Amino acid sequence: MMLSGGSDAVYCKEFMSTLSGTALDWFVSLPTGHITTFQQFSKMFVEQYIVNKASPLVSYDLFDVRQYQGESLKDFLNRFGAQIVRLPGKDEEMFVHAFKKGILPGPFSESLIRCHPATFAEIRRRAVAHIAAENEVSEKRGNVAPTKPRAQTRTPQRVMEAVAGKRDQRMRHPYDPKKGKGKGPGMPKEANRPPRYEFVMGLADLIAVPNIAARLKVPEKTTDKVLGPKPNAWCEFHKSFGHSLNSCLAMGYQLAELVKCGFLKDYLLEKQAGQSSGSQPASGEGQQHEVPIHGEIHTIAGGFSGGGCTAS
């Protein structure tokens, strides 16, 4: 704002309209009628905020101007030139040395070392080509190279025929989910199941008897884990869902061992009391042994490999 003519009162009012923040608070705190002339007003303002006056820049301050990592040559050149404008003197030799000191190592700094410039204006002229090269390189780095398309290979005729034959075979013999049920490694074989005994009370009441419960090895309690294919069936022995108490194998094995040693003879029904001394009840041929029979192996002892009579 520039005023031509006018009294001190006009100058004071116009200057007061430019104040804001802490400067306006300072003006309001002045006593009424304390300012009589604009010269007095400007002097008081300068004395109030003289500590905020920036110190003048000297020539050797240019040596503190350094190029940042990742800063382009164009940005550093403009920032360095803005500091030169603030200097009172024009020492071109010092400007050149300060610029060479502050620039990062690179192609342009090497060119300044090989051919020393005389003035800062010469540095600007020589930097134009390097700035254009930097811009072109940055554009190339920003572009994403297209990927090489894969060569389309044809499937051999024999492979196609083999795949078609397998597909036809699957169509002739569809998958039957019931086929092979119970033959997986996770399904217990019938011969490996513990023998079933009939007791004078239910299994839940039996395993709750203190002296029986003390001999049973209760597994660790599992939380939020279904132990079996029946999520709604509850096992009192495992304290978990997945199977019923009657189909619990872990409890069945332990009860069978207690029956073998005669510990549960008083809890068996009368018709099975005579079987408690045996290893397993005679419910089948595969359950008459302590160790279940998984198969038979036929061997020939003695004789010649080619046949003939032998003598023992």
Protein backbone atom coordinates (compact mmCIF):
# COMPACT_ATOMS: atom_id res chain seq x y z
CA MET A 1 0.00 0.00 0.00
CA MET A 2 1.32 3.42 -0.97
CA LEU A 3 -0.14 6.72 0.19
CA SER A 4 0.55 10.04 -1.41
CA GLY A 5 -0.08 12.99 0.84
CA GLY A 6 -2.34 12.93 3.87
CA SER A 7 -1.84 13.69 7.56
CA ASP A 8 -0.21 11.67 10.33
CA ALA A 9 -3.65 10.59 11.52
CA VAL A 10 -4.35 8.97 8.14
CA TYR A 11 -0.95 7.20 8.17
CA CYS A 12 -1.55 5.90 11.69
CA LYS A 13 -5.02 4.56 10.87
CA GLU A 14 -3.85 2.86 7.67
CA PHE A 15 -0.85 1.30 9.42
CA MET A 16 -3.08 0.12 12.27
CA SER A 17 -5.34 -1.66 9.74
CA THR A 18 -2.40 -3.84 8.67
CA LEU A 19 -1.78 -5.18 12.20
CA SER A 20 -3.04 -8.58 13.34
CA GLY A 21 -2.38 -11.17 16.03
CA THR A 22 0.12 -10.20 18.71
CA ALA A 23 0.94 -6.92 16.91
CA LEU A 24 -2.69 -5.83 17.16
CA ASP A 25 -2.78 -6.87 20.84
CA TRP A 26 0.30 -4.72 21.43
CA PHE A 27 -1.34 -1.72 19.79
CA VAL A 28 -4.54 -2.12 21.82
CA SER A 29 -2.51 -2.23 25.04
CA LEU A 30 -1.07 1.26 24.43
CA PRO A 31 -2.57 4.07 26.58
CA THR A 32 -5.15 6.31 24.96
CA GLY A 33 -3.62 9.40 23.38
CA HIS A 34 -0.08 7.99 23.70
CA ILE A 35 0.69 8.25 19.96
CA THR A 36 0.80 11.79 18.57
CA THR A 37 2.72 11.39 15.26
CA PHE A 38 3.29 8.66 12.71
CA GLN A 39 7.05 8.92 13.19
CA GLN A 40 6.57 8.13 16.89
CA PHE A 41 4.27 5.22 15.99
CA SER A 42 6.76 3.67 13.52
CA LYS A 43 9.67 4.08 15.97
CA MET A 44 7.73 2.34 18.78
CA PHE A 45 6.78 -0.49 16.42
CA VAL A 46 10.39 -1.05 15.31
CA GLU A 47 11.65 -1.05 18.90
CA GLN A 48 8.95 -3.59 19.86
CA TYR A 49 9.81 -6.10 17.13
CA ILE A 50 13.48 -5.36 16.40
CA VAL A 51 14.48 -8.80 17.73
CA ASN A 52 12.59 -10.40 14.81
CA LYS A 53 14.75 -8.66 12.26
CA ALA A 54 16.64 -11.16 10.14
CA SER A 55 20.41 -10.89 10.24
CA PRO A 56 21.96 -9.80 6.94
CA LEU A 57 23.41 -12.58 4.77
CA VAL A 58 27.15 -12.48 4.15
CA SER A 59 29.08 -14.07 1.29
CA TYR A 60 30.60 -16.96 3.26
CA ASP A 61 27.08 -18.11 4.26
CA LEU A 62 26.79 -19.55 0.76
CA PHE A 63 29.17 -22.35 1.75
CA ASP A 64 26.42 -23.66 4.08
CA VAL A 65 24.04 -24.17 1.17
CA ARG A 66 24.33 -27.84 0.22
CA GLN A 67 22.42 -30.01 -2.23
CA TYR A 68 20.15 -32.53 -0.51
CA GLN A 69 20.07 -36.22 -1.31
CA GLY A 70 17.54 -36.73 -4.08
CA GLU A 71 17.29 -33.00 -4.87
CA SER A 72 17.43 -32.26 -8.57
CA LEU A 73 20.02 -29.96 -10.11
CA LYS A 74 17.27 -27.53 -11.11
CA ASP A 75 15.92 -27.18 -7.55
CA PHE A 76 19.39 -26.75 -6.04
CA LEU A 77 20.35 -24.16 -8.65
CA ASN A 78 17.22 -22.10 -7.93
CA ARG A 79 17.73 -22.35 -4.16
CA PHE A 80 21.38 -21.31 -4.46
CA GLY A 81 20.45 -18.40 -6.75
CA ALA A 82 17.84 -17.16 -4.26
CA GLN A 83 20.58 -16.84 -1.62
CA ILE A 84 22.82 -14.88 -4.01
CA VAL A 85 20.09 -12.29 -4.56
CA ARG A 86 20.09 -11.50 -0.82
CA LEU A 87 23.84 -10.74 -0.73
CA PRO A 88 24.90 -7.10 -0.88
CA GLY A 89 28.11 -7.72 -2.86
CA LYS A 90 28.73 -9.64 -6.07
CA ASP A 91 31.85 -11.76 -5.66
CA GLU A 92 31.56 -14.12 -8.64
CA GLU A 93 34.65 -16.12 -7.72
CA MET A 94 33.22 -16.88 -4.28
CA PHE A 95 29.84 -17.81 -5.80
CA VAL A 96 31.49 -20.37 -8.09
CA HIS A 97 33.55 -21.93 -5.28
CA ALA A 98 30.53 -22.12 -2.96
CA PHE A 99 28.40 -23.78 -5.65
CA LYS A 100 31.09 -26.38 -6.44
CA LYS A 101 31.41 -27.05 -2.70
CA GLY A 102 27.67 -27.58 -2.18
CA ILE A 103 26.76 -29.69 -5.21
CA LEU A 104 26.69 -33.48 -4.86
CA PRO A 105 29.14 -35.64 -6.85
CA GLY A 106 27.85 -36.37 -10.32
CA PRO A 107 28.33 -35.70 -14.01
CA PHE A 108 27.71 -31.96 -13.69
CA SER A 109 30.11 -31.53 -10.74
CA GLU A 110 32.78 -33.43 -12.69
CA SER A 111 32.28 -31.10 -15.67
CA LEU A 112 32.78 -28.08 -13.37
CA ILE A 113 36.02 -29.58 -12.09
CA ARG A 114 37.34 -30.31 -15.59
CA CYS A 115 36.37 -26.88 -16.94
CA HIS A 116 36.30 -24.23 -14.21
CA PRO A 117 33.53 -21.61 -14.83
CA ALA A 118 34.28 -17.95 -14.42
CA THR A 119 30.86 -16.69 -13.25
CA PHE A 120 27.68 -18.05 -11.78
CA ALA A 121 25.85 -17.06 -14.99
CA GLU A 122 28.11 -19.49 -16.87
CA ILE A 123 27.13 -22.23 -14.42
CA ARG A 124 23.47 -21.55 -15.21
CA ARG A 125 24.07 -21.80 -18.96
CA ARG A 126 26.02 -25.07 -18.66
CA ALA A 127 23.40 -26.56 -16.32
CA VAL A 128 20.61 -26.30 -18.93
CA ALA A 129 21.73 -29.44 -20.82
CA HIS A 130 22.19 -31.46 -17.61
CA ILE A 131 18.75 -30.42 -16.32
CA ALA A 132 17.15 -31.55 -19.59
CA ALA A 133 18.97 -34.91 -19.30
CA GLU A 134 17.77 -35.32 -15.69
CA ASN A 135 14.17 -34.71 -16.71
CA GLU A 136 14.39 -37.27 -19.50
CA VAL A 137 15.93 -39.90 -17.21
CA SER A 138 13.26 -39.33 -14.53
CA GLU A 139 10.52 -39.75 -17.14
CA LYS A 140 12.04 -43.03 -18.31
CA ARG A 141 12.26 -44.30 -14.75
CA GLY A 142 8.59 -43.48 -14.22
CA ASN A 143 7.47 -45.45 -17.25
CA VAL A 144 6.74 -49.14 -16.64
CA ALA A 145 8.21 -51.40 -19.28
CA PRO A 146 5.69 -53.81 -20.85
CA THR A 147 6.12 -57.48 -20.07
CA LYS A 148 7.21 -59.85 -22.79
CA PRO A 149 4.29 -61.99 -23.96
CA ARG A 150 4.69 -65.71 -23.51
CA ALA A 151 5.06 -67.86 -26.56
CA GLN A 152 1.95 -69.92 -27.18
CA THR A 153 2.92 -73.58 -27.28
CA ARG A 154 0.62 -76.22 -28.68
CA THR A 155 -0.13 -79.30 -26.58
CA PRO A 156 1.17 -82.48 -28.23
CA GLN A 157 -1.45 -84.74 -29.72
CA ARG A 158 -0.49 -87.67 -27.49
CA VAL A 159 -0.96 -85.63 -24.33
CA MET A 160 -4.39 -84.47 -25.48
CA GLU A 161 -5.42 -88.05 -26.23
CA ALA A 162 -4.22 -89.24 -22.82
CA VAL A 163 -6.16 -86.48 -21.04
CA ALA A 164 -9.30 -87.28 -23.03
CA GLY A 165 -8.93 -90.99 -22.19
CA LYS A 166 -8.70 -90.29 -18.46
CA ARG A 167 -11.74 -88.04 -18.66
CA ASP A 168 -13.75 -90.79 -20.39
CA GLN A 169 -12.62 -93.30 -17.76
CA ARG A 170 -13.83 -91.04 -14.97
CA MET A 171 -17.17 -90.71 -16.71
CA ARG A 172 -17.52 -94.50 -16.96
CA HIS A 173 -16.58 -95.03 -13.31
CA PRO A 174 -18.01 -92.12 -11.31
CA TYR A 175 -16.85 -91.51 -7.76
CA ASP A 176 -18.88 -93.32 -5.13
CA PRO A 177 -18.59 -91.64 -1.70
CA LYS A 178 -19.77 -94.83 0.05
CA LYS A 179 -17.08 -96.93 -1.62
CA GLY A 180 -14.10 -97.52 0.64
CA LYS A 181 -15.85 -96.04 3.68
CA GLY A 182 -14.20 -97.11 6.90
CA LYS A 183 -10.96 -98.24 5.19
CA GLY A 184 -8.97 -95.07 5.66
CA PRO A 185 -6.02 -94.83 8.04
CA GLY A 186 -8.04 -92.69 10.44
CA MET A 187 -10.87 -95.26 10.79
CA PRO A 188 -10.25 -98.00 13.38
CA LYS A 189 -10.62 -101.57 12.17
CA GLU A 190 -13.29 -103.74 13.70
CA ALA A 191 -10.67 -106.16 15.11
CA ASN A 192 -8.86 -103.28 16.83
CA ARG A 193 -11.94 -102.01 18.65
CA PRO A 194 -12.12 -102.67 22.40
CA PRO A 195 -14.53 -105.43 23.50
CA ARG A 196 -17.93 -104.37 24.70
CA TYR A 197 -19.02 -105.33 28.21
CA GLU A 198 -22.36 -104.86 29.89
CA PHE A 199 -22.18 -103.38 33.35
CA VAL A 200 -24.72 -103.12 36.15
CA MET A 201 -24.86 -99.36 35.65
CA GLY A 202 -24.43 -96.88 32.84
CA LEU A 203 -20.99 -95.89 31.60
CA ALA A 204 -21.39 -92.32 32.83
CA ASP A 205 -22.14 -93.56 36.36
CA LEU A 206 -19.41 -96.20 36.16
CA ILE A 207 -16.57 -93.79 35.36
CA ALA A 208 -17.87 -91.50 38.10
CA VAL A 209 -17.15 -94.10 40.83
CA PRO A 210 -14.18 -92.72 42.81
CA ASN A 211 -12.02 -95.87 42.83
CA ILE A 212 -12.63 -96.44 39.11
CA ALA A 213 -12.11 -92.80 38.19
CA ALA A 214 -8.76 -92.89 40.03
CA ARG A 215 -7.52 -95.70 37.74
CA LEU A 216 -8.67 -94.11 34.49
CA LYS A 217 -6.27 -91.83 32.66
CA VAL A 218 -8.45 -88.89 31.77
CA PRO A 219 -7.15 -87.10 28.65
CA GLU A 220 -6.45 -83.40 28.68
CA LYS A 221 -9.54 -81.27 28.35
CA THR A 222 -9.94 -79.80 24.88
CA THR A 223 -11.84 -76.59 24.28
CA ASP A 224 -13.72 -75.82 21.06
CA LYS A 225 -12.50 -79.04 19.43
CA VAL A 226 -14.81 -81.68 17.97
CA LEU A 227 -13.39 -85.19 18.47
CA GLY A 228 -15.31 -87.19 15.92
CA PRO A 229 -17.80 -87.05 13.06
CA LYS A 230 -20.83 -86.28 15.24
CA PRO A 231 -20.70 -82.67 16.40
CA ASN A 232 -23.84 -83.02 18.54
CA ALA A 233 -22.72 -86.17 20.41
CA TRP A 234 -21.21 -85.58 23.87
CA CYS A 235 -18.48 -87.70 25.46
CA GLU A 236 -18.39 -87.44 29.23
CA PHE A 237 -14.93 -89.02 29.32
CA HIS A 238 -13.28 -86.47 27.00
CA LYS A 239 -15.61 -83.62 28.01
CA SER A 240 -15.99 -82.79 24.34
CA PHE A 241 -18.34 -83.15 21.37
CA GLY A 242 -17.78 -85.43 18.38
CA HIS A 243 -18.69 -88.91 19.62
CA SER A 244 -20.84 -90.53 22.28
CA LEU A 245 -19.65 -92.14 25.47
CA ASN A 246 -20.60 -95.62 24.23
CA SER A 247 -18.35 -95.25 21.17
CA CYS A 248 -15.37 -93.74 23.03
CA LEU A 249 -12.34 -95.88 22.15
CA ALA A 250 -9.97 -94.39 24.73
CA MET A 251 -12.33 -95.18 27.58
CA GLY A 252 -13.17 -98.61 26.11
CA TYR A 253 -9.51 -99.67 26.04
CA GLN A 254 -8.99 -98.66 29.66
CA LEU A 255 -12.16 -100.37 30.86
CA ALA A 256 -11.13 -103.53 28.99
CA GLU A 257 -7.78 -103.53 30.82
CA LEU A 258 -9.55 -103.13 34.16
CA VAL A 259 -11.86 -106.04 33.28
CA LYS A 260 -8.86 -108.22 32.36
CA CYS A 261 -7.17 -107.66 35.69
CA GLY A 262 -10.45 -108.41 37.51
CA PHE A 263 -10.90 -104.94 38.97
CA LEU A 264 -14.42 -104.54 37.52
CA LYS A 265 -15.71 -108.06 38.16
CA ASP A 266 -18.19 -106.75 40.73
CA TYR A 267 -19.63 -104.31 38.20
CA LEU A 268 -20.17 -106.78 35.36
CA LEU A 269 -23.49 -108.47 34.74
CA GLU A 270 -23.74 -112.10 35.89
CA LYS A 271 -23.63 -113.51 32.38
CA GLN A 272 -20.26 -111.80 31.78
CA ALA A 273 -18.76 -112.37 35.22
CA GLY A 274 -17.15 -115.63 34.07
CA GLN A 275 -15.53 -113.87 31.14
CA SER A 276 -13.75 -111.23 33.21
CA SER A 277 -10.77 -113.48 33.88
CA GLY A 278 -10.19 -113.92 30.14
CA SER A 279 -8.41 -111.47 27.94
CA GLN A 280 -11.48 -110.55 25.85
CA PRO A 281 -15.05 -111.82 25.54
CA ALA A 282 -15.60 -114.47 22.94
CA SER A 283 -17.63 -112.30 20.67
CA GLY A 284 -15.67 -113.27 17.58
CA GLU A 285 -12.64 -115.11 16.39
CA GLY A 286 -10.67 -111.92 15.96
CA GLN A 287 -11.22 -110.97 19.62
CA GLN A 288 -9.92 -114.15 21.33
CA HIS A 289 -6.35 -112.89 21.52
CA GLU A 290 -4.73 -110.08 23.46
CA VAL A 291 -3.12 -108.79 20.27
CA PRO A 292 -5.55 -108.60 17.34
CA ILE A 293 -4.77 -110.72 14.27
CA HIS A 294 -4.30 -108.55 11.18
CA GLY A 295 -3.69 -111.40 8.67
CA GLU A 296 -2.15 -114.81 8.01
CA ILE A 297 1.26 -115.64 6.56
CA HIS A 298 1.72 -119.15 5.07
CA THR A 299 5.28 -120.57 5.18
CA ILE A 300 6.97 -123.86 4.23
CA ALA A 301 9.65 -125.21 6.58
CA GLY A 302 12.34 -127.56 5.21
CA GLY A 303 12.60 -129.21 1.83
CA PHE A 304 14.33 -128.29 -1.36
CA SER A 305 13.52 -125.25 -3.44
CA GLY A 306 13.02 -127.48 -6.45
CA GLY A 307 10.76 -129.99 -4.65
CA GLY A 308 11.38 -133.63 -3.84
CA CYS A 309 11.37 -135.85 -0.79
CA THR A 310 12.87 -134.72 2.44
CA ALA A 311 13.88 -136.48 5.63
CA SER A 312 13.60 -135.03 9.07
